[in-house]
């Protein structure tokens, strides 16, 4: 419930519920949670319908403005259960100031040397963006016009990590 209120820019409603408001604020928070669940299902369905685009060392989907930047990483993580497991999944969502990038790997890839935090950070910095994270999950913000170059750099960096 709290997660949903914050992801949809209504942390104040979540705070009110935490402080005991079980009336209007709780109802609003419940509505946001239902919207969040609906949006996740729609995001997963979008990826199932359009599929992912495969490169040598990664696969990606570009949701444009169809998946909120605040949930695109969750959608990517949920999609990891039905996409190819031999490469990480990279997700793009448009934002006001550029593109949000989210990535998810798996433990088999980590054992082979994958570190998405390092790869995403370096690739984002190379195109004028910022990023970072963990070995299994990472994110970045990049300029909108830099997607293709970012993907080429990221694909190369991931390829150099995997052994």
Foldseek 3Di string as FASTA:
>chain_A
DCLLCVLVPRNVLVVVVVVPPCPPSVVVVVVSVVVVVVLLVVLLVVCVVVPWDDDDAETEDECEASHDLSCQQVSLVVCCVPHDQRHKYWYWYADPFAIKIKIFHDPVLVVQFAWVQVLLQVLQVVQPWGWGDGRGMIMIGHHHVCVVSSVVSSSVVSVVGGD
